[in-house]
Amino acid sequence: DAVAPVAIAKKLHSRFTLIGREGLPTMAMSGLDIALWDALARATDLPLTRLLGGELQPVPAYNSNGLGIAPPEKLADEALELLGEGFHAIKLRLGRKTLWEDVLATRAVRARIPAEALLMTDFNQALTVAEAMARGRALDREAVYWIEEPIRHDDHAGAARVAREVETPIQIGENFLGTRAMAAAIAAGAADYVMPDLARIGGVTGWLRAAALADAAGIEMSSHLYPEVSAQLLAVTPTAHFLEYVDWAVPILARPLQVAEGQARPAEGPGSGLDWNDEAVARFALE
């Protein structure tokens, strides 16, 4: 009875009224919230998806490993390797010194991968509004699926200008610190797609509220990192779009997330999808 994630989240939020919840408080509360939902799912012997009333089902995933700032030919080779790991979509990091360098990198990858493969791009907030509009218009001609975080994450007015001027969909959201930030971005028309981060949006409780916002606005919602838990949550997200897959935790997991034919399959056992390999964890532990 003590494991009541929504009630505990409400209580914790009330403790930060004076100093505010944005930043580290939200991230700390997110981690606790995820742990509480995991404990509740295990106590009821259910996968998190089923605890939340959903059905375990595959979700579209893209490979977000690699494809950093590297020579175009190397990126093209790596892109094929990443698709060969069971994916139909990959993500390329952009934000080089010049527009032309970004275009060349994009063209090198696009030319090497199958025409039906999706190519997402991510600037990680590297551009000014003017630069974002110029590079966005250039990428409109390069068959990319979305342009992620072209400018500073909290400049909603600037992002709205970019979204209006650029034909390729704009994706933002990994830096939403709570659902109020997401609501403000949606109200400003700052993006075509959203992708909240589980550890910044408010954990599972925050994710469910974010999913309701996206549903009400008719905006497709993807995940950012934490693929094992995100797969469980996208299965109960009305406007679920893509799962971002990274393999960073695989060396210490007992049940790594399975991906095949472009689809991630949520774990069927009880809990949030995270099961640690205790021996592997011990090898990496610091005394």
Foldseek 3Di string as FASTA:
>chain_A
DVLDLVVVLVVLQVVCPVVDCFDPNLLVLLVVSQVSLQVVLVVVFFASLVVVPFDFDWAFAEEEPDQEPDDLQVSLVVLVVRVVQAALEYEHEDQDPDLVRRVSSLQSNCVNDDVSRAYHYEDPARDDLVVLLVSLQVCLPRRHQEYENPHDQQPLLSLQVSCVRHPHWYEYACNPQAVVSVLVSLVSNNTQAYAYESSRHRHLVSLVVNLVSCVVSVHAYEYDDPQQLRSSVLSVRPRHDYYYDDCVCVQFFPDDWDHHNRITGHDGTGGRRGHTPVVSVVVVDDD
